[in-house]
């Protein structure tokens, strides 16, 4: 038989085989999912087209139809969505041992995995415990404490913003134009400096190589939240990194930059003659001490290598910088949108805040405003867990082994059974009748995630964000440019961030 005839006979056979296999897969997929309540969509893409640019709103709308427990397919991945705070707390606390693995994702590969990902049950949790112990040790410091670092950086940030705002405002007045300035990169730079000092100490903070990289980090950090995330195209569509190659490469470059900063910082720390001085006490130093106190067998049990320790420092540095930058960016936007609230904060700050701003977290109305920023912006809209062992929740919800569970944290901050008028920005919801801060309300939302996967920068942010917010309000009146209505709709990603905007900063002194 000639080669051409053989080819003609084989080609139809292969086509029939592939077509039959595809139909069999579709039927099998339909059979396995037909009893599951939820939204499935088209093969290969699921509901990714319906999610659009506001996945949090689309999923919230579906929960009204399917309930607090539903199945959802996005791209090649299927998720069990939980939108009830009791279920989420039960899964992440009472069943914590069943959700301790963290499989590597496409965007996770850009961070080289390390401390971030592990499919061995329990090992990731033990690594994270070391990270949290190091952070707690830093928080206990009384000399060169986190508030001390915050005060020093604020005293650098405020004069810089005053000079920049005065120059822009004077130029706009001269030209008869509408003044306005972007704050995202400025916030990014000073939040990066704060997190650098907390994680890597004072050594190297004024080094030109590190300084230039911190500037570059602030210029590129916006790529992180819109690229990563459990519902991001890069993690649900394996081929997407080839479709959006330039964005993926920019994302990888950002993480490379974070790694360079941390590597240089660790080198500067190790080069210090007095590593034990209070000024050099930082997350990295506590990492090294905790690791050195472990036996080789204990390290081997959790695969605690130098690379894992290094990536742990990178994770805390990057996560803290990104979350605090986003929070401050939201804060400035909300203050420009709600001038009466801004003025009330200013009155309290003028009357009660200390010169160093270190008591800002004790001001009740400011605390209420900061927590309303957390609730209203819902920084972390979703969390993700992978179930390593089948389990059943108290309400009878069965979760099979291997299930990817999507924690709908955005829905918690919009639950009308918990929050009166949830779509209204109202800090008073966090105040008691006597005007004191009502911390019990915080239990009804999870702005930093849930369980062991909570943002590692949460604890330092609780001290630093009120300090920076108080300093901003004490020194500036924040207004939108004339004729501009602030846009409060977010950009969707692993965190919800404001769309780029401008404000007018009017120095008060």
Protein backbone atom coordinates (compact mmCIF):
# COMPACT_ATOMS: atom_id res chain seq x y z
CA UNK A 1 0.00 0.00 0.00
CA UNK A 2 1.35 3.41 -0.90
CA UNK A 3 2.10 5.98 1.79
CA UNK A 4 -0.56 8.36 0.47
CA UNK A 5 -3.24 5.66 0.66
CA UNK A 6 -2.18 4.71 4.19
CA UNK A 7 -2.44 8.35 5.24
CA UNK A 8 -5.91 8.65 3.76
CA UNK A 9 -7.07 5.57 5.70
CA UNK A 10 -5.47 6.57 9.02
CA UNK A 11 -6.60 10.21 9.11
CA UNK A 12 -10.37 9.49 9.29
CA UNK A 13 -9.71 6.82 11.92
CA UNK A 14 -7.79 9.24 14.14
CA UNK A 15 -10.45 11.92 13.68
CA UNK A 16 -13.22 9.51 14.65
CA UNK A 17 -11.23 8.36 17.69
CA UNK A 18 -10.56 11.91 18.90
CA UNK A 19 -14.15 12.96 18.28
CA UNK A 20 -15.48 9.94 20.16
CA UNK A 21 -13.10 10.55 23.06
CA UNK A 22 -14.16 14.20 23.26
CA UNK A 23 -17.87 13.27 23.28
CA UNK A 24 -17.21 10.63 25.92
CA UNK A 25 -15.45 13.23 28.08
CA UNK A 26 -18.37 15.65 27.70
CA UNK A 27 -20.88 12.96 28.67
CA UNK A 28 -18.75 11.83 31.63
CA UNK A 29 -18.33 15.42 32.79
CA UNK A 30 -22.06 16.08 32.50
CA UNK A 31 -22.93 12.86 34.35
CA UNK A 32 -20.54 13.61 37.23
CA UNK A 33 -21.79 17.16 37.66
CA UNK A 34 -25.52 16.93 36.89
CA UNK A 35 -26.41 16.34 40.55
CA UNK A 36 -24.28 19.27 41.73
CA UNK A 37 -26.11 22.53 42.28
CA UNK A 38 -24.33 25.38 40.54
CA UNK A 39 -23.15 27.08 37.36
CA UNK A 40 -21.15 25.09 34.80
CA UNK A 41 -21.09 26.93 31.46
CA UNK A 42 -19.23 25.90 28.30
CA UNK A 43 -16.58 23.17 27.97
CA UNK A 44 -12.99 24.35 28.56
CA UNK A 45 -14.00 27.89 29.57
CA UNK A 46 -16.86 27.29 32.01
CA UNK A 47 -18.35 30.59 33.17
CA UNK A 48 -15.23 32.66 32.56
CA UNK A 49 -17.02 34.78 29.96
CA UNK A 50 -19.93 35.48 32.31
CA UNK A 51 -17.64 36.54 35.15
CA UNK A 52 -16.30 39.49 33.17
CA UNK A 53 -14.34 42.19 35.02
CA UNK A 54 -16.36 41.89 38.25
CA UNK A 55 -16.23 38.23 39.25
CA UNK A 56 -17.16 39.06 42.85
CA UNK A 57 -20.47 40.60 41.78
CA UNK A 58 -21.29 37.84 39.28
CA UNK A 59 -20.73 35.08 41.84
CA UNK A 60 -22.68 37.00 44.47
CA UNK A 61 -25.62 37.19 42.06
CA UNK A 62 -25.45 33.42 41.44
CA UNK A 63 -25.50 32.70 45.18
CA UNK A 64 -28.93 34.35 45.34
CA UNK A 65 -30.11 31.72 42.85
CA UNK A 66 -28.19 28.66 44.05
CA UNK A 67 -27.58 29.46 47.73
CA UNK A 68 -24.52 29.81 49.94
CA UNK A 69 -23.12 26.48 48.69
CA UNK A 70 -22.78 26.04 44.96
CA UNK A 71 -20.47 24.58 42.32
CA UNK A 72 -18.80 26.76 39.72
CA UNK A 73 -16.62 25.97 36.73
CA UNK A 74 -14.12 28.58 35.57
CA UNK A 75 -11.81 27.60 32.74
CA UNK A 76 -10.48 24.09 33.40
CA UNK A 77 -11.17 24.27 37.13
CA UNK A 78 -14.25 23.47 39.19
CA UNK A 79 -14.83 25.14 42.56
CA UNK A 80 -17.16 24.54 45.47
CA UNK A 81 -18.13 28.08 46.51
CA UNK A 82 -18.85 28.77 50.19
CA UNK A 83 -20.48 32.12 51.00
CA UNK A 84 -21.51 31.58 54.63
CA UNK A 85 -19.20 32.76 57.41
CA UNK A 86 -20.04 29.78 59.65
CA UNK A 87 -19.08 27.32 56.91
CA UNK A 88 -15.88 29.23 56.09
CA UNK A 89 -14.80 29.39 59.75
CA UNK A 90 -15.60 25.71 60.25
CA UNK A 91 -13.60 24.66 57.19
CA UNK A 92 -10.56 26.82 57.96
CA UNK A 93 -10.48 26.14 61.71
CA UNK A 94 -12.17 22.88 62.69
CA UNK A 95 -11.09 21.13 59.47
CA UNK A 96 -7.78 22.95 59.17
CA UNK A 97 -5.82 19.69 58.92
CA UNK A 98 -7.76 18.82 55.74
CA UNK A 99 -6.92 22.06 53.95
CA UNK A 100 -3.23 22.42 54.80
CA UNK A 101 -1.86 21.68 51.33
CA UNK A 102 -1.28 24.43 48.79
CA UNK A 103 -0.76 23.14 45.22
CA UNK A 104 1.44 25.17 42.91
CA UNK A 105 -0.35 27.46 40.44
CA UNK A 106 0.73 29.13 37.21
CA UNK A 107 1.26 32.49 38.88
CA UNK A 108 2.78 30.70 41.87
CA UNK A 109 5.54 29.39 39.63
CA UNK A 110 6.63 33.00 39.13
CA UNK A 111 7.54 33.04 42.84
CA UNK A 112 9.47 29.73 42.53
CA UNK A 113 7.07 27.99 44.92
CA UNK A 114 9.19 27.53 48.04
CA UNK A 115 7.44 28.64 51.22
CA UNK A 116 4.26 29.51 49.34
CA UNK A 117 3.22 26.09 48.01
CA UNK A 118 3.34 22.50 49.22
CA UNK A 119 1.20 19.44 48.48
CA UNK A 120 2.38 17.50 51.56
CA UNK A 121 -0.32 17.79 54.29
CA UNK A 122 0.86 19.68 57.36
CA UNK A 123 4.24 20.74 55.99
CA UNK A 124 3.10 24.11 54.63
CA UNK A 125 1.36 24.87 57.96
CA UNK A 126 4.54 24.23 59.94
CA UNK A 127 6.48 26.55 57.64
CA UNK A 128 3.85 29.25 58.01
CA UNK A 129 4.00 28.85 61.80
CA UNK A 130 7.69 29.79 61.72
CA UNK A 131 6.87 32.87 59.64
CA UNK A 132 4.20 33.97 62.10
CA UNK A 133 6.48 33.38 65.10
CA UNK A 134 9.13 35.60 63.51
CA UNK A 135 6.54 38.33 62.94
CA UNK A 136 5.30 38.11 66.53
CA UNK A 137 8.85 38.41 67.83
CA UNK A 138 9.29 41.65 65.86
CA UNK A 139 5.99 42.98 67.20
CA UNK A 140 7.16 42.44 70.79
CA UNK A 141 10.15 44.74 70.37
CA UNK A 142 10.07 47.90 72.46
CA UNK A 143 13.12 49.51 70.82
CA UNK A 144 12.99 50.06 67.07
CA UNK A 145 9.42 48.79 67.30
CA UNK A 146 6.96 48.77 64.41
CA UNK A 147 5.41 52.10 65.59
CA UNK A 148 8.92 53.61 65.82
CA UNK A 149 9.62 52.58 62.23
CA UNK A 150 6.24 53.93 61.16
CA UNK A 151 6.91 57.31 62.76
CA UNK A 152 10.30 57.65 61.08
CA UNK A 153 8.94 56.80 57.63
CA UNK A 154 5.92 59.08 58.04
CA UNK A 155 8.30 61.96 58.80
CA UNK A 156 9.91 61.31 55.42
CA UNK A 157 6.67 60.78 53.49
CA UNK A 158 4.71 63.85 54.62
CA UNK A 159 7.33 66.50 53.59
CA UNK A 160 7.74 64.71 50.25
CA UNK A 161 3.98 64.78 49.57
CA UNK A 162 3.75 68.41 50.74
CA UNK A 163 6.47 69.45 48.32
CA UNK A 164 4.98 67.49 45.44
CA UNK A 165 1.42 68.74 46.11
CA UNK A 166 2.50 72.38 46.46
CA UNK A 167 4.40 72.25 43.18
CA UNK A 168 1.48 70.62 41.30
CA UNK A 169 -1.09 73.00 42.80
CA UNK A 170 1.01 76.10 42.02
CA UNK A 171 1.62 74.95 38.46
CA UNK A 172 -2.09 74.26 37.91
CA UNK A 173 -2.99 77.69 39.29
CA UNK A 174 -0.49 79.35 36.97
CA UNK A 175 -1.76 77.44 33.92
CA UNK A 176 -5.42 77.69 34.88
CA UNK A 177 -5.68 73.88 34.77
CA UNK A 178 -7.32 71.38 37.11
CA UNK A 179 -4.78 70.20 39.74
CA UNK A 180 -4.54 66.53 40.61
CA UNK A 181 -1.92 63.98 41.56
CA UNK A 182 -1.59 60.21 41.58
CA UNK A 183 -0.81 58.66 44.96
CA UNK A 184 -0.48 54.95 44.20
CA UNK A 185 3.24 54.91 43.43
CA UNK A 186 4.03 57.25 46.35
CA UNK A 187 2.10 55.03 48.76
CA UNK A 188 3.75 51.99 47.20
CA UNK A 189 7.25 53.38 47.76
CA UNK A 190 6.79 54.36 51.40
CA UNK A 191 4.86 51.18 52.25
CA UNK A 192 7.71 49.20 50.64
CA UNK A 193 10.21 51.08 52.81
CA UNK A 194 8.16 50.29 55.90
CA UNK A 195 7.94 46.59 55.07
CA UNK A 196 11.62 46.46 54.10
CA UNK A 197 12.66 47.76 57.53
CA UNK A 198 10.29 45.38 59.34
CA UNK A 199 11.46 42.38 57.34
CA UNK A 200 15.11 43.15 56.62
CA UNK A 201 16.14 45.73 59.22
CA UNK A 202 17.84 49.09 58.83
CA UNK A 203 20.87 47.71 57.00
CA UNK A 204 20.76 48.75 53.36
CA UNK A 205 17.68 50.99 53.52
CA UNK A 206 19.73 53.93 52.20
CA UNK A 207 21.75 51.78 49.78
CA UNK A 208 21.39 53.18 46.24
CA UNK A 209 20.91 49.71 44.72
CA UNK A 210 18.08 48.93 47.14
CA UNK A 211 16.62 52.45 46.90
CA UNK A 212 16.36 52.25 43.11
CA UNK A 213 14.72 48.82 43.30
CA UNK A 214 12.17 49.99 45.87
CA UNK A 215 11.26 52.79 43.46
CA UNK A 216 10.90 50.32 40.60
CA UNK A 217 8.81 48.06 42.82
CA UNK A 218 6.39 50.91 43.58
CA UNK A 219 6.11 51.59 39.84
CA UNK A 220 5.26 47.98 38.98
CA UNK A 221 3.38 46.65 42.02
CA UNK A 222 0.02 47.29 40.32
CA UNK A 223 0.66 44.23 38.10
CA UNK A 224 0.44 41.85 41.05
CA UNK A 225 -3.21 42.10 42.20
CA UNK A 226 -4.69 42.09 38.67
CA UNK A 227 -2.69 39.04 37.54
CA UNK A 228 -2.74 36.60 40.47
CA UNK A 229 -5.76 35.09 42.20
CA UNK A 230 -7.81 31.87 42.29
CA UNK A 231 -10.14 33.13 39.55
CA UNK A 232 -7.46 34.84 37.48
CA UNK A 233 -7.24 33.72 33.85
CA UNK A 234 -3.60 32.70 34.30
CA UNK A 235 -4.49 30.13 36.97
CA UNK A 236 -7.72 28.71 35.47
CA UNK A 237 -6.60 28.63 31.82
CA UNK A 238 -3.19 26.93 31.49
CA UNK A 239 -2.58 28.43 28.04
CA UNK A 240 -3.38 32.02 29.07
CA UNK A 241 0.23 32.87 29.86
CA UNK A 242 0.95 32.43 26.15
CA UNK A 243 -2.05 34.54 25.11
CA UNK A 244 -1.10 37.38 27.49
CA UNK A 245 2.62 36.78 27.36
CA UNK A 246 3.70 40.36 28.02
CA UNK A 247 1.54 40.63 31.15
CA UNK A 248 2.80 37.31 32.48
CA UNK A 249 6.43 38.29 31.87
CA UNK A 250 5.83 41.62 33.62
CA UNK A 251 4.36 39.71 36.56
CA UNK A 252 7.42 37.43 36.65
CA UNK A 253 9.71 40.47 36.47
CA UNK A 254 7.95 42.01 39.45
CA UNK A 255 8.63 38.92 41.55
CA UNK A 256 12.21 38.83 40.35
CA UNK A 257 12.56 42.41 41.56
CA UNK A 258 11.08 41.51 44.96
CA UNK A 259 13.60 38.68 45.19
CA UNK A 260 16.49 41.01 44.31
CA UNK A 261 15.47 43.47 47.03
CA UNK A 262 15.25 40.73 49.66
CA UNK A 263 18.51 39.13 48.53
CA UNK A 264 20.36 42.45 48.76
CA UNK A 265 18.73 43.15 52.12
CA UNK A 266 19.82 39.81 53.54
CA UNK A 267 23.36 40.34 52.22
CA UNK A 268 23.50 43.76 53.91
CA UNK A 269 22.16 42.26 57.14
CA UNK A 270 24.74 39.45 57.12
CA UNK A 271 27.52 41.98 56.43
CA UNK A 272 26.67 43.98 59.55
CA UNK A 273 29.24 43.58 62.31
CA UNK A 274 26.61 43.91 65.05
CA UNK A 275 23.82 41.64 63.82
CA UNK A 276 22.31 41.45 67.30
CA UNK A 277 21.69 45.19 67.64
CA UNK A 278 18.10 46.31 68.08
CA UNK A 279 18.20 48.25 64.80
CA UNK A 280 18.97 45.01 62.93
CA UNK A 281 16.23 43.00 64.65
CA UNK A 282 13.76 42.07 61.92
CA UNK A 283 11.70 39.21 60.49
CA UNK A 284 14.75 37.84 58.61
CA UNK A 285 16.90 37.81 61.75
CA UNK A 286 14.21 35.97 63.70
CA UNK A 287 13.84 33.51 60.81
CA UNK A 288 17.53 32.69 61.03
CA UNK A 289 17.44 32.33 64.82
CA UNK A 290 14.37 30.05 64.75
CA UNK A 291 15.87 27.93 61.99
CA UNK A 292 19.22 27.65 63.76
CA UNK A 293 17.47 26.42 66.90
CA UNK A 294 15.92 23.52 64.95
CA UNK A 295 17.59 20.13 64.62
CA UNK A 296 18.58 18.90 61.14
CA UNK A 297 15.88 16.24 61.45
CA UNK A 298 13.19 18.86 62.23
CA UNK A 299 14.28 20.93 59.23
CA UNK A 300 14.25 17.90 56.95
CA UNK A 301 10.75 16.95 58.13
CA UNK A 302 9.30 20.16 56.68
CA UNK A 303 11.94 20.62 53.97
CA UNK A 304 13.05 23.90 55.57
CA UNK A 305 15.86 24.93 53.25
CA UNK A 306 17.60 28.30 52.94
CA UNK A 307 15.51 28.94 49.83
CA UNK A 308 12.30 28.36 51.77
CA UNK A 309 13.42 30.84 54.44
CA UNK A 310 14.37 33.36 51.77
CA UNK A 311 11.04 33.01 49.97
CA UNK A 312 9.25 33.35 53.30
CA UNK A 313 10.87 36.76 53.77
CA UNK A 314 9.92 37.68 50.19
CA UNK A 315 6.31 36.63 50.81
CA UNK A 316 5.89 38.74 53.94
CA UNK A 317 7.62 41.73 52.34
CA UNK A 318 5.57 41.59 49.14
CA UNK A 319 2.22 40.80 50.80
CA UNK A 320 2.60 43.54 53.41
CA UNK A 321 3.62 46.13 50.84
CA UNK A 322 0.80 45.25 48.44
CA UNK A 323 -1.97 45.10 51.05
CA UNK A 324 -0.99 48.34 52.83
CA UNK A 325 -0.54 50.18 49.53
CA UNK A 326 -4.00 49.10 48.39
CA UNK A 327 -5.54 50.02 51.75
CA UNK A 328 -4.06 53.51 51.75
CA UNK A 329 -5.06 54.02 48.12
CA UNK A 330 -8.65 53.11 49.02
CA UNK A 331 -8.52 55.32 52.12
CA UNK A 332 -7.49 58.41 50.15
CA UNK A 333 -10.17 57.72 47.54
CA UNK A 334 -12.93 57.31 50.13
CA UNK A 335 -11.86 60.45 51.97
CA UNK A 336 -12.07 62.44 48.74
CA UNK A 337 -15.51 60.94 48.04
CA UNK A 338 -16.92 61.54 51.55
CA UNK A 339 -15.68 64.96 52.78
CA UNK A 340 -17.91 65.01 55.89
CA UNK A 341 -16.38 61.76 57.10
CA UNK A 342 -12.92 63.12 56.31
CA UNK A 343 -13.57 66.24 58.37
CA UNK A 344 -14.84 64.18 61.32
CA UNK A 345 -11.66 62.09 61.21
CA UNK A 346 -9.57 65.27 61.07
CA UNK A 347 -11.29 66.71 64.14
CA UNK A 348 -10.54 63.56 66.12
CA UNK A 349 -6.94 63.38 64.87
CA UNK A 350 -6.28 67.07 65.66
CA UNK A 351 -7.65 66.63 69.17
CA UNK A 352 -6.26 63.25 70.15
CA UNK A 353 -3.38 61.97 68.04
CA UNK A 354 0.16 62.09 69.41
CA UNK A 355 3.00 63.89 67.65
CA UNK A 356 4.45 60.54 66.58
CA UNK A 357 1.03 59.14 65.51
CA UNK A 358 1.79 55.98 67.50
CA UNK A 359 -1.57 56.11 69.31
CA UNK A 360 -3.59 56.38 66.09
CA UNK A 361 -4.90 52.81 66.42
CA UNK A 362 -6.58 53.88 69.69
CA UNK A 363 -8.69 56.65 68.10
CA UNK A 364 -12.23 55.18 67.90
CA UNK A 365 -13.59 57.03 64.87
CA UNK A 366 -10.39 56.59 62.88
CA UNK A 367 -10.48 52.88 63.71
CA UNK A 368 -14.10 52.76 62.58
CA UNK A 369 -13.19 54.45 59.28
CA UNK A 370 -10.22 52.14 58.65
CA UNK A 371 -12.37 49.06 59.28
CA UNK A 372 -15.10 50.41 57.03
CA UNK A 373 -12.41 50.81 54.37
CA UNK A 374 -11.55 47.13 54.88
CA UNK A 375 -15.21 46.10 54.70
CA UNK A 376 -16.31 48.31 51.82
CA UNK A 377 -13.28 47.62 49.63
CA UNK A 378 -13.16 43.90 50.55
CA UNK A 379 -9.44 43.77 49.75
CA UNK A 380 -9.27 39.97 49.46
CA UNK A 381 -12.52 39.00 47.68
CA UNK A 382 -11.83 35.26 47.57
CA UNK A 383 -9.72 32.66 49.29
CA UNK A 384 -8.96 29.20 48.01
CA UNK A 385 -8.44 25.88 49.78
CA UNK A 386 -7.71 22.41 48.41
CA UNK A 387 -9.24 19.57 50.44
CA UNK A 388 -6.78 16.72 51.01
CA UNK A 389 -9.31 14.45 52.78
CA UNK A 390 -13.06 14.18 52.24
CA UNK A 391 -15.05 15.93 54.95
CA UNK A 392 -18.59 16.87 55.93
CA UNK A 393 -19.51 20.23 57.45
CA UNK A 394 -21.92 20.55 60.37
CA UNK A 395 -24.79 21.50 58.05
CA UNK A 396 -24.33 18.29 56.05
CA UNK A 397 -22.33 19.77 53.16
CA UNK A 398 -20.07 17.00 51.82
CA UNK A 399 -16.74 18.08 50.29
CA UNK A 400 -14.95 15.34 48.32
CA UNK A 401 -11.20 14.81 48.48
CA UNK A 402 -9.31 16.96 45.98
CA UNK A 403 -12.02 19.66 45.82
CA UNK A 404 -10.94 23.25 45.25
CA UNK A 405 -13.02 25.35 47.65
CA UNK A 406 -13.57 29.02 46.88
CA UNK A 407 -14.17 31.11 50.01
CA UNK A 408 -16.47 33.96 49.00
CA UNK A 409 -15.12 36.58 51.42
CA UNK A 410 -16.60 39.48 49.43
CA UNK A 411 -20.11 38.19 50.18
CA UNK A 412 -19.41 38.34 53.93
CA UNK A 413 -18.94 42.11 53.76
CA UNK A 414 -22.21 42.54 51.82
CA UNK A 415 -24.48 40.28 53.88
CA UNK A 416 -27.65 42.30 54.65
CA UNK A 417 -28.37 40.01 57.62
CA UNK A 418 -25.19 41.31 59.25
CA UNK A 419 -24.65 44.79 57.82
CA UNK A 420 -27.36 47.43 57.63
CA UNK A 421 -27.27 49.03 54.17
CA UNK A 422 -24.15 47.06 53.18
CA UNK A 423 -23.60 49.02 49.94
CA UNK A 424 -23.26 52.31 51.85
CA UNK A 425 -19.94 53.56 53.21
CA UNK A 426 -20.78 54.15 56.87
CA UNK A 427 -18.05 54.00 59.58
CA UNK A 428 -20.68 54.43 62.33
CA UNK A 429 -21.51 50.73 62.02
CA UNK A 430 -18.23 50.05 63.89
CA UNK A 431 -19.09 52.36 66.81
CA UNK A 432 -20.93 51.59 70.03
CA UNK A 433 -23.62 53.99 71.29
CA UNK A 434 -21.05 55.66 73.57
CA UNK A 435 -18.78 56.37 70.58
CA UNK A 436 -16.16 53.74 71.37
CA UNK A 437 -14.93 51.32 68.72
CA UNK A 438 -16.96 48.10 68.42
CA UNK A 439 -14.41 45.38 67.74
CA UNK A 440 -17.03 42.61 67.82
CA UNK A 441 -18.25 43.63 64.35
CA UNK A 442 -14.87 42.71 62.87
CA UNK A 443 -15.65 39.02 63.42
CA UNK A 444 -18.27 39.26 60.67
CA UNK A 445 -15.78 39.91 57.89
CA UNK A 446 -12.43 38.53 56.75
CA UNK A 447 -10.62 41.32 54.87
CA UNK A 448 -7.23 39.59 55.20
CA UNK A 449 -8.32 36.06 54.40
CA UNK A 450 -9.09 33.13 56.71
CA UNK A 451 -7.21 30.62 58.84
CA UNK A 452 -3.50 29.96 58.28
CA UNK A 453 -3.71 31.63 54.87
CA UNK A 454 -4.45 35.05 56.34
CA UNK A 455 -2.26 37.80 54.94
CA UNK A 456 1.04 37.75 56.87
CA UNK A 457 1.11 41.55 56.80
CA UNK A 458 -2.19 41.85 58.69
CA UNK A 459 -0.75 42.36 62.17
CA UNK A 460 1.72 45.09 61.19
CA UNK A 461 -0.94 46.71 59.02
CA UNK A 462 -3.28 47.07 61.99
CA UNK A 463 -0.73 49.38 63.60
CA UNK A 464 0.75 51.10 60.55
CA UNK A 465 -2.36 51.83 58.46
CA UNK A 466 -4.02 53.99 61.18
CA UNK A 467 -0.71 55.82 61.69
CA UNK A 468 -0.29 56.65 57.98
CA UNK A 469 -4.00 57.50 57.64
CA UNK A 470 -3.85 59.86 60.65
CA UNK A 471 -0.74 61.56 59.28
CA UNK A 472 -2.36 62.04 55.88
CA UNK A 473 -5.52 63.58 57.34
CA UNK A 474 -3.60 65.73 59.83
CA UNK A 475 -1.48 67.30 57.11
CA UNK A 476 -3.75 67.47 54.04
CA UNK A 477 -7.27 68.14 52.90
CA UNK A 478 -8.04 65.53 50.24
CA UNK A 479 -10.40 66.51 47.42
CA UNK A 480 -11.28 65.16 43.98
CA UNK A 481 -10.30 67.39 41.03
CA UNK A 482 -13.00 69.94 40.15
CA UNK A 483 -15.88 68.34 38.29
CA UNK A 484 -14.69 64.75 38.95
CA UNK A 485 -16.85 62.22 40.78
CA UNK A 486 -14.70 59.54 42.45
CA UNK A 487 -15.15 56.08 40.89
CA UNK A 488 -15.49 53.56 43.71
CA UNK A 489 -15.67 50.44 41.51
CA UNK A 490 -12.54 48.26 41.87
CA UNK A 491 -10.21 46.45 39.51
CA UNK A 492 -10.68 42.71 40.10
CA UNK A 493 -7.82 40.39 41.03
CA UNK A 494 -6.32 38.57 44.00
CA UNK A 495 -7.13 41.83 45.80
CA UNK A 496 -9.59 44.54 44.82
CA UNK A 497 -7.76 47.78 44.07
CA UNK A 498 -9.08 51.18 42.96
CA UNK A 499 -8.96 52.17 39.35
CA UNK A 500 -6.21 54.78 38.76
CA UNK A 501 -7.40 58.16 40.02
CA UNK A 502 -6.15 61.61 40.94
CA UNK A 503 -6.83 63.75 44.00
CA UNK A 504 -5.98 67.28 45.06
CA UNK A 505 -3.85 67.40 48.19
CA UNK A 506 -4.07 70.73 49.97
CA UNK A 507 -1.34 71.08 52.65
CA UNK A 508 -2.77 72.39 55.93
CA UNK A 509 0.47 73.81 57.33
